Protein backbone atom coordinates (compact mmCIF):
# COMPACT_ATOMS: atom_id res chain seq x y z
CA MET A 1 13.02 -59.05 -10.95
CA ARG A 2 10.18 -60.20 -8.69
CA ARG A 3 7.08 -61.67 -10.28
CA LEU A 4 4.58 -59.07 -11.48
CA ARG A 5 1.24 -59.34 -9.78
CA GLY A 6 -1.98 -57.41 -9.34
CA LYS A 7 -2.04 -54.00 -10.92
CA THR A 8 1.70 -54.08 -11.58
CA ALA A 9 1.19 -56.81 -14.19
CA GLY A 10 -0.05 -54.20 -16.65
CA MET A 11 3.09 -52.06 -16.46
CA ALA A 12 5.22 -51.55 -19.54
CA ALA A 13 8.78 -52.13 -18.41
CA VAL A 14 11.66 -50.34 -20.08
CA GLY A 15 14.39 -52.40 -21.75
CA GLU A 16 17.53 -53.47 -19.93
CA ARG A 17 19.69 -50.64 -21.27
CA ALA A 18 17.06 -48.06 -20.39
CA ALA A 19 16.63 -49.65 -16.94
CA VAL A 20 20.36 -49.39 -16.25
CA ARG A 21 20.42 -45.80 -17.48
CA ARG A 22 17.44 -45.03 -15.23
CA LEU A 23 19.30 -46.58 -12.31
CA VAL A 24 22.41 -44.48 -12.96
CA GLU A 25 20.33 -41.31 -13.26
CA ARG A 26 17.97 -41.88 -10.33
CA LEU A 27 20.69 -43.00 -7.91
CA GLY A 28 23.06 -40.37 -9.25
CA PHE A 29 23.01 -37.68 -11.92
CA GLY A 30 23.70 -39.69 -15.04
CA PRO A 31 26.73 -41.32 -16.68
CA ARG A 32 29.97 -39.90 -17.94
CA PRO A 33 31.09 -40.81 -21.49
CA GLY A 34 31.45 -44.57 -21.79
CA GLU A 35 30.03 -45.32 -18.34
CA LEU A 36 26.61 -46.38 -19.60
CA ASP A 37 28.00 -49.03 -21.96
CA THR A 38 30.17 -50.37 -19.16
CA ALA A 39 27.22 -50.42 -16.78
CA VAL A 40 24.97 -52.21 -19.26
CA GLY A 41 27.67 -54.84 -19.68
CA LYS A 42 27.69 -55.46 -15.93
CA GLY A 43 23.91 -55.63 -15.62
CA PHE A 44 21.28 -53.92 -13.49
CA GLY A 45 21.88 -55.80 -10.23
CA PRO A 46 25.68 -55.47 -10.07
CA VAL A 47 25.52 -51.79 -11.00
CA ARG A 48 22.91 -51.15 -8.33
CA ASP A 49 25.09 -52.92 -5.77
CA GLU A 50 28.13 -50.87 -6.77
CA LEU A 51 26.22 -47.61 -6.53
CA LEU A 52 24.85 -48.38 -3.08
CA ALA A 53 28.23 -49.63 -1.84
CA ALA A 54 30.16 -46.52 -2.95
CA VAL A 55 28.89 -44.05 -0.36
CA VAL A 56 32.16 -42.49 0.87
CA ASP A 57 33.72 -39.78 -1.27
CA SER A 58 35.89 -36.95 0.05
CA GLY A 59 34.80 -34.82 -2.89
CA ALA A 60 35.71 -31.19 -3.49
CA ALA A 61 36.98 -29.30 -0.46
CA ALA A 62 34.51 -26.84 1.03
CA PRO A 63 35.27 -23.20 0.17
CA ALA A 64 36.62 -20.83 2.80
CA VAL A 65 33.52 -18.76 3.45
CA GLY A 66 32.50 -16.58 6.35
CA ASP A 67 29.34 -15.58 8.14
CA GLU A 68 28.44 -12.66 5.91
CA ARG A 69 25.49 -12.37 3.58
CA SER A 70 27.10 -11.80 0.18
CA GLN A 71 26.30 -12.90 -3.34
CA GLU A 72 29.90 -14.02 -3.78
CA GLU A 73 29.75 -16.45 -0.87
CA ARG A 74 26.36 -17.76 -1.95
CA ALA A 75 27.74 -18.43 -5.41
CA ALA A 76 30.87 -20.03 -3.94
CA ILE A 77 28.99 -22.65 -1.95
CA ALA A 78 26.58 -23.32 -4.82
CA LEU A 79 29.52 -23.95 -7.18
CA TRP A 80 31.24 -26.09 -4.55
CA TRP A 81 28.24 -28.41 -4.32
CA LEU A 82 27.80 -28.52 -8.10
CA GLU A 83 31.45 -29.55 -8.34
CA ARG A 84 30.83 -32.40 -5.90
CA MET A 85 27.79 -33.58 -7.85
CA VAL A 86 29.65 -33.56 -11.15
CA THR A 87 32.87 -35.19 -9.97
CA SER A 88 31.71 -37.53 -7.21
CA GLN A 89 32.82 -41.16 -7.31
CA ALA A 90 29.91 -41.92 -4.98
CA PRO A 91 27.03 -40.28 -6.86
CA VAL A 92 24.33 -41.88 -4.72
CA THR A 93 25.64 -39.93 -1.73
CA GLU A 94 25.31 -36.60 -3.52
CA ARG A 95 21.94 -37.56 -4.98
CA VAL A 96 20.57 -38.44 -1.55
CA THR A 97 22.10 -35.29 -0.02
CA TRP A 98 20.30 -33.30 -2.71
CA PHE A 99 17.06 -35.12 -1.85
CA TRP A 100 17.38 -34.30 1.85
CA HIS A 101 18.23 -30.68 1.07
CA GLY A 102 14.82 -30.40 -0.59
CA HIS A 103 13.17 -32.32 2.26
CA PHE A 104 14.74 -30.29 5.11
CA ALA A 105 14.75 -27.19 2.90
CA THR A 106 16.80 -24.38 4.45
CA SER A 107 17.78 -21.14 2.73
CA VAL A 108 20.92 -19.07 3.11
CA GLN A 109 18.78 -16.01 2.43
CA LYS A 110 17.46 -16.06 6.00
CA VAL A 111 20.30 -17.99 7.66
CA ARG A 112 22.78 -15.41 6.32
CA SER A 113 25.74 -17.70 6.80
CA ALA A 114 27.40 -19.68 4.05
CA ARG A 115 29.43 -21.51 6.72
CA LEU A 116 26.33 -22.75 8.50
CA MET A 117 24.75 -23.88 5.23
CA VAL A 118 27.87 -25.91 4.39
CA ARG A 119 27.83 -27.40 7.89
CA GLN A 120 24.21 -28.51 7.46
CA ASN A 121 25.03 -29.89 4.02
CA GLU A 122 27.81 -32.01 5.48
CA THR A 123 25.43 -33.34 8.13
CA LEU A 124 22.92 -34.34 5.47
CA ARG A 125 25.71 -36.05 3.53
CA GLY A 126 27.08 -37.89 6.54
CA LYS A 127 23.75 -39.15 7.87
CA GLY A 128 21.53 -39.20 4.80
CA LEU A 129 21.87 -42.90 3.96
CA GLY A 130 21.58 -44.20 7.51
CA ASP A 131 18.99 -44.12 10.27
CA PHE A 132 16.34 -41.51 9.50
CA ALA A 133 15.81 -40.91 13.23
CA GLU A 134 19.47 -39.97 13.65
CA LEU A 135 19.18 -37.55 10.74
CA VAL A 136 16.08 -35.90 12.23
CA ARG A 137 17.73 -35.61 15.65
CA ALA A 138 20.61 -33.78 14.00
CA MET A 139 18.32 -31.48 12.02
CA VAL A 140 16.19 -30.28 14.96
CA VAL A 141 19.31 -28.88 16.65
CA ASP A 142 21.18 -27.89 13.47
CA PRO A 143 22.31 -24.24 13.63
CA ALA A 144 21.05 -23.30 10.15
CA MET A 145 17.71 -25.04 10.75
CA LEU A 146 17.21 -23.31 14.11
CA ILE A 147 17.79 -19.91 12.51
CA TRP A 148 15.67 -20.75 9.47
CA LEU A 149 12.63 -21.84 11.54
CA ASP A 150 13.13 -19.54 14.53
CA GLY A 151 14.10 -22.36 16.87
CA GLN A 152 16.60 -20.16 18.70
CA LYS A 153 13.69 -17.91 19.70
CA ASN A 154 11.77 -20.81 21.27
CA THR A 155 11.80 -20.46 25.08
CA ALA A 156 9.76 -21.79 27.97
CA LYS A 157 8.19 -18.36 28.49
CA ALA A 158 7.52 -17.71 24.78
CA ALA A 159 7.22 -20.91 22.76
CA ASN A 160 7.71 -20.51 18.99
CA GLU A 161 5.87 -23.19 17.01
CA ASN A 162 7.52 -22.85 13.60
CA LEU A 163 10.05 -25.67 13.92
CA ALA A 164 7.61 -28.00 15.69
CA ARG A 165 4.97 -27.53 12.99
CA GLU A 166 7.29 -28.13 10.06
CA LEU A 167 8.96 -31.02 11.88
CA MET A 168 5.63 -32.83 11.86
CA GLU A 169 4.04 -31.58 8.65
CA LEU A 170 7.00 -31.59 6.25
CA PHE A 171 9.76 -33.67 7.84
CA THR A 172 8.26 -36.68 9.65
CA LEU A 173 4.47 -37.19 9.49
CA GLY A 174 2.72 -35.28 6.73
CA VAL A 175 -0.41 -33.15 6.67
CA GLY A 176 -3.34 -34.30 8.79
CA ASN A 177 -1.43 -36.65 11.07
CA TYR A 178 -1.20 -34.40 14.12
CA SER A 179 -3.31 -31.83 15.96
CA GLU A 180 -2.73 -28.19 16.86
CA GLN A 181 -2.33 -29.29 20.47
CA ASP A 182 0.41 -31.65 19.34
CA VAL A 183 2.17 -28.69 17.72
CA ARG A 184 1.99 -26.64 20.90
CA GLU A 185 3.31 -29.49 23.04
CA ALA A 186 6.06 -30.32 20.54
CA ALA A 187 7.18 -26.68 20.55
CA ARG A 188 7.61 -26.90 24.32
CA ALA A 189 9.84 -29.96 23.86
CA LEU A 190 12.11 -27.97 21.54
CA THR A 191 12.64 -24.97 23.81
CA GLY A 192 16.00 -23.67 24.99
CA TRP A 193 18.27 -24.34 22.01
CA LYS A 194 20.66 -21.52 21.06
CA VAL A 195 22.99 -20.92 18.12
CA ASN A 196 26.59 -19.78 18.38
CA ARG A 197 27.55 -18.46 14.95
CA ASP A 198 31.23 -18.14 15.85
CA THR A 199 31.64 -21.83 16.73
CA MET A 200 28.93 -23.00 14.29
CA SER A 201 27.33 -24.97 17.10
CA THR A 202 24.17 -25.19 19.19
CA SER A 203 23.70 -25.71 22.90
CA LEU A 204 20.82 -26.13 25.32
CA ASN A 205 20.16 -23.31 27.79
CA PRO A 206 18.51 -25.02 30.80
CA ARG A 207 17.02 -21.74 32.01
CA GLN A 208 15.05 -21.36 28.80
CA GLN A 209 14.03 -25.01 28.49
CA ASP A 210 10.52 -26.17 29.39
CA LYS A 211 11.14 -29.19 31.62
CA GLY A 212 7.49 -29.89 32.36
CA ALA A 213 5.39 -32.83 31.20
CA LYS A 214 4.12 -32.75 27.61
CA THR A 215 1.77 -34.98 25.64
CA VAL A 216 2.43 -35.47 21.91
CA LEU A 217 0.39 -37.93 19.84
CA GLY A 218 -0.68 -39.70 23.04
CA HIS A 219 2.84 -40.02 24.47
CA SER A 220 3.34 -38.20 27.78
CA GLY A 221 6.47 -37.30 29.72
CA ALA A 222 9.12 -34.64 30.16
CA LEU A 223 9.89 -34.74 26.45
CA ASP A 224 12.94 -32.94 25.12
CA ALA A 225 14.16 -32.71 21.51
CA THR A 226 15.49 -36.28 21.45
CA GLY A 227 12.37 -37.72 23.05
CA LEU A 228 10.12 -35.80 20.69
CA VAL A 229 11.93 -37.16 17.64
CA GLU A 230 11.55 -40.72 18.95
CA VAL A 231 7.81 -40.20 19.35
CA LEU A 232 7.42 -38.79 15.85
CA VAL A 233 9.54 -41.25 13.87
CA GLY A 234 8.03 -44.08 15.87
CA GLN A 235 4.58 -43.41 14.42
CA PRO A 236 3.61 -45.97 11.74
CA VAL A 237 2.52 -43.12 9.50
CA SER A 238 6.03 -41.67 9.63
CA ALA A 239 7.56 -44.68 7.89
CA GLN A 240 4.88 -44.50 5.20
CA PHE A 241 5.44 -40.77 4.80
CA VAL A 242 9.20 -41.17 4.32
CA VAL A 243 9.04 -44.01 1.79
CA ARG A 244 6.33 -42.24 -0.22
CA ARG A 245 8.48 -39.10 -0.32
CA MET A 246 11.43 -41.13 -1.55
CA TRP A 247 9.29 -42.81 -4.21
CA PHE A 248 8.05 -39.41 -5.37
CA ARG A 249 11.59 -38.07 -5.85
CA PHE A 250 13.38 -41.20 -7.08
CA VAL A 251 10.68 -42.94 -9.15
CA GLY A 252 7.82 -40.70 -10.23
CA ALA A 253 4.77 -38.67 -9.33
CA LYS A 254 2.38 -41.61 -9.71
CA PRO A 255 1.73 -42.80 -6.12
CA PRO A 256 2.90 -46.33 -5.27
CA GLU A 257 0.30 -49.01 -4.61
CA ASP A 258 -0.37 -49.96 -0.99
CA ASP A 259 1.46 -53.28 -1.34
CA VAL A 260 4.53 -51.43 -2.65
CA VAL A 261 4.43 -49.05 0.31
CA GLN A 262 4.22 -52.00 2.67
CA ARG A 263 7.31 -53.64 1.16
CA LEU A 264 9.25 -50.38 1.34
CA VAL A 265 8.21 -49.90 4.97
CA GLU A 266 9.46 -53.41 5.72
CA ALA A 267 12.81 -52.49 4.15
CA TYR A 268 12.87 -49.26 6.21
CA GLY A 269 12.45 -51.41 9.29
CA PRO A 270 13.06 -50.57 12.96
CA GLY A 271 16.46 -49.16 12.00
CA ARG A 272 14.75 -46.67 9.66
CA ASP A 273 17.38 -47.52 7.05
CA VAL A 274 17.33 -45.10 4.10
CA ALA A 275 19.83 -47.11 2.02
CA ARG A 276 17.69 -50.24 2.36
CA VAL A 277 14.66 -48.31 1.13
CA LEU A 278 16.61 -47.17 -1.93
CA ARG A 279 17.57 -50.76 -2.69
CA ALA A 280 13.97 -51.91 -2.22
CA ILE A 281 12.74 -49.16 -4.55
CA THR A 282 15.00 -50.40 -7.34
CA GLU A 283 13.65 -53.94 -6.86
CA GLU A 284 10.06 -52.85 -7.46
CA PRO A 285 8.59 -53.37 -10.96
CA GLY A 286 7.40 -49.79 -10.76
CA PHE A 287 10.98 -48.57 -10.86
CA ARG A 288 11.28 -49.94 -14.39
CA ASP A 289 7.78 -48.89 -15.44
CA GLU A 290 8.06 -46.50 -18.38
CA GLY A 291 4.99 -44.69 -17.06
CA ASN A 292 6.94 -43.56 -13.99
CA THR A 293 8.75 -40.53 -15.29
CA LEU A 294 10.51 -37.63 -13.62
CA VAL A 295 11.04 -34.12 -14.93
CA LYS A 296 14.62 -33.31 -14.03
CA GLN A 297 15.03 -30.35 -11.73
CA PRO A 298 17.33 -27.65 -13.15
CA VAL A 299 20.27 -28.62 -10.93
CA GLU A 300 19.89 -32.33 -11.79
CA TRP A 301 19.67 -31.48 -15.49
CA ALA A 302 22.72 -29.19 -15.47
CA VAL A 303 24.82 -31.63 -13.45
CA GLY A 304 23.84 -34.49 -15.75
CA LEU A 305 24.83 -32.46 -18.82
CA MET A 306 28.18 -31.53 -17.30
CA ARG A 307 28.88 -35.17 -16.44
CA ALA A 308 27.96 -36.26 -19.98
CA LEU A 309 30.25 -33.66 -21.57
CA ASN A 310 33.16 -33.91 -19.10
CA VAL A 311 32.73 -30.35 -17.88
CA THR A 312 33.49 -29.37 -14.29
CA PRO A 313 32.47 -26.02 -12.78
CA SER A 314 35.97 -25.44 -11.38
CA ALA A 315 37.45 -25.68 -14.90
CA LEU A 316 35.17 -22.97 -16.27
CA PRO A 317 36.44 -19.40 -16.59
CA GLU A 318 35.25 -17.18 -13.76
CA GLY A 319 32.77 -15.42 -16.00
CA ASP A 320 31.22 -18.72 -17.07
CA ARG A 321 30.93 -19.84 -13.46
CA THR A 322 29.01 -16.67 -12.72
CA LYS A 323 26.79 -17.28 -15.75
CA LEU A 324 26.17 -20.87 -14.65
CA VAL A 325 24.81 -19.79 -11.27
CA ALA A 326 22.83 -17.00 -12.93
CA GLY A 327 21.37 -19.50 -15.39
CA LEU A 328 20.25 -21.80 -12.58
CA ARG A 329 18.70 -18.79 -10.88
CA GLY A 330 16.87 -18.03 -14.11
CA MET A 331 15.51 -21.56 -14.13
CA GLY A 332 14.40 -21.12 -10.54
CA GLN A 333 16.81 -23.37 -8.65
CA VAL A 334 20.12 -22.61 -6.98
CA PRO A 335 21.59 -24.87 -4.28
CA PHE A 336 21.10 -23.49 -0.75
CA LEU A 337 18.31 -21.15 -1.93
CA PRO A 338 15.01 -23.06 -1.81
CA PRO A 339 11.98 -20.78 -2.13
CA SER A 340 10.38 -21.93 1.13
CA VAL A 341 10.50 -24.56 3.84
CA GLY A 342 8.47 -26.71 1.47
CA GLY A 343 11.43 -26.93 -0.91
CA TRP A 344 11.27 -26.85 -4.67
CA PRO A 345 8.36 -28.01 -6.86
CA ALA A 346 8.41 -31.09 -9.03
CA GLY A 347 7.17 -32.15 -12.44
CA ALA A 348 5.90 -29.75 -15.09
CA ALA A 349 6.45 -26.74 -12.81
CA TRP A 350 9.96 -26.58 -14.30
CA LEU A 351 8.77 -26.55 -17.92
CA THR A 352 7.89 -22.88 -18.19
CA THR A 353 8.55 -20.56 -21.11
CA SER A 354 10.57 -18.18 -18.95
CA ALA A 355 12.83 -20.99 -17.72
CA ALA A 356 13.34 -22.35 -21.24
CA LEU A 357 15.53 -19.41 -22.31
CA ALA A 358 17.69 -19.74 -19.20
CA ARG A 359 18.00 -23.47 -19.85
CA LEU A 360 19.12 -22.76 -23.42
CA HIS A 361 21.80 -20.34 -22.22
CA VAL A 362 23.14 -22.84 -19.67
CA ALA A 363 23.16 -25.58 -22.32
CA GLN A 364 25.14 -23.32 -24.68
CA LEU A 365 27.59 -22.45 -21.92
CA ILE A 366 28.24 -26.10 -21.02
CA THR A 367 28.41 -27.45 -24.56
CA ALA A 368 30.84 -24.68 -25.56
CA ARG A 369 33.30 -26.12 -23.03
CA GLY A 370 32.31 -29.77 -23.40
CA ASP A 371 33.82 -32.79 -25.11
CA LEU A 372 31.78 -33.21 -28.31
CA ALA A 373 34.12 -35.60 -30.11
CA ALA A 374 31.46 -38.32 -30.05
CA LEU A 375 29.26 -36.20 -32.33
CA LYS A 376 31.72 -36.09 -35.24
CA GLY A 377 30.57 -39.36 -36.85
CA ASN A 378 28.00 -40.15 -39.54
CA ASP A 379 25.04 -40.01 -37.14
CA PRO A 380 25.53 -37.01 -34.84
CA VAL A 381 21.86 -37.01 -33.81
CA GLY A 382 22.02 -40.61 -32.68
CA ALA A 383 25.38 -39.99 -31.03
CA ALA A 384 23.90 -37.04 -29.13
CA GLY A 385 21.17 -39.31 -27.81
CA ALA A 386 23.71 -41.88 -26.68
CA LEU A 387 25.83 -39.20 -25.05
CA LEU A 388 22.89 -37.71 -23.17
CA GLY A 389 21.28 -41.04 -22.29
CA VAL A 390 18.21 -40.50 -24.48
CA ASP A 391 16.74 -43.82 -25.62
CA GLY A 392 15.11 -42.33 -28.69
CA TRP A 393 14.10 -39.03 -30.27
CA SER A 394 10.65 -38.22 -31.55
CA GLU A 395 10.53 -37.75 -35.33
CA ARG A 396 9.98 -34.03 -34.89
CA THR A 397 12.97 -33.68 -32.55
CA ARG A 398 15.20 -35.84 -34.74
CA ASN A 399 14.39 -33.75 -37.80
CA ALA A 400 15.09 -30.51 -35.92
CA LEU A 401 18.41 -31.82 -34.61
CA ALA A 402 19.38 -33.07 -38.04
CA LYS A 403 18.94 -29.56 -39.45
CA VAL A 404 21.19 -28.15 -36.73
CA ALA A 405 23.81 -30.82 -37.35
CA LYS A 406 24.00 -29.88 -41.03
CA GLN A 407 24.71 -26.22 -40.34
CA PRO A 408 28.23 -25.00 -41.11
CA GLY A 409 30.59 -25.33 -38.20
CA GLN A 410 28.44 -27.85 -36.42
C-alpha cells in the first residue's frame, strides 16, 4: 500500500481480513461460503487482480420476453439479473453493470419493453469496464434510452432537450458545468434518431436530423451524436465527474481529497479506462479507511445474502420468487425500475422503518432456503458473522442474536 501522506495519514485502516472482505464486496456482492478464507489466504493484491481479470461470464441466459408491458415480464427480467448477480463467476462485471444501471438509469415503466431493457443491460455489461466514451456513444442511441428520455421525438423542426440535458447533467459533466445554450445546441446534435421496437434497433433519419453548425462548450461544427459525445467526455471536468461518481458508489459518501481525484483521473487517462480507475481506487488508502462506509442498497444486500447462503433465485419455488421481487419492491428497489433518471438514492435513505419489515421478510425467505450448516456449532452468533462477512457484532446485537439462537428449533 502506498505511503500515507497529508490528510490520509490520520485514517484508521481496517485489518487485512476486513480489507479483503471489503474488496470482495465492493468489486462484487460478497463471498460464498469458504471464499473469504481462501481470499484472505491469497492476499489483497492477488485477489484484486483475479477479480479485475475475470470479466467474461456467460451467466444466466436472458428470458424470452416480448414487447408488452406486463408485471410477469418485469419480474422475469428482474429475476434473470438477480440470478446473474448471485451466480456470476465474474462478479466485478455484474457489480459494474449494476453501477452503470444506476448511472444511466432507465425504467421499464416508461420504456414498456422488457426486451429493450435486457438489450440495454447487455450493452452496459459489454462496455462497462472499457472506454467510457464508447459506453456513452452507445447509450445516446440506445433504444430504451431514446424512449425513456424522448430522444425519438427529437427532430430538426422540434428539438426535444430531455436527453441532451441529462447527458450533460447526470451522465458526463455534472450540475453547473454547462449552460442552457449548451443544452439547446446539444439537443440539435442528437436529432433524427428513431427506434424500431420490432428489430430492437435505432437508426438515423437524415430528413429529421439538424445538419447545421452547433456550438457546445466552445466547440463549433456540424456536430452529430458521436461528435457531441467526444466534446463532452473530452472536458477535464468530465473525467473528474466520472471518478468521483465511482468513488461515491464503490468507496463511500465522504468525498475524496483533490490529490486522490487527480490520481484517479490519471488512471482514467486518455482511454477513459473504467477498469483502470477501479484498480486505482483499490490502491488508495481511503479504500481501506474504516470511515468510508457504504449502506448496501436492497439489491446488493439481497444478492449478498443469497451468495452467502448458497441460494439462487432460479431454485426457489415460483411463489418465493414472486415474494422476492415483491420484497425488493417493498424496500424500494427492483432492477429495471429506478424511480427517476437520477437513479436510486444512497446511504441512510434505505434505512427506513417501512423498508425494515420488507427486509425482514426477504431475509426470512432466503434463510428458509439457505445452507445454515455453519451455524450448528458452539458459537452460532460468531459463525453467523463469519458467514455474512461481519467483522464483529455490537454487544447489544450479539446479545439479541444469542437469545434467538437459544430458542427451540434454532
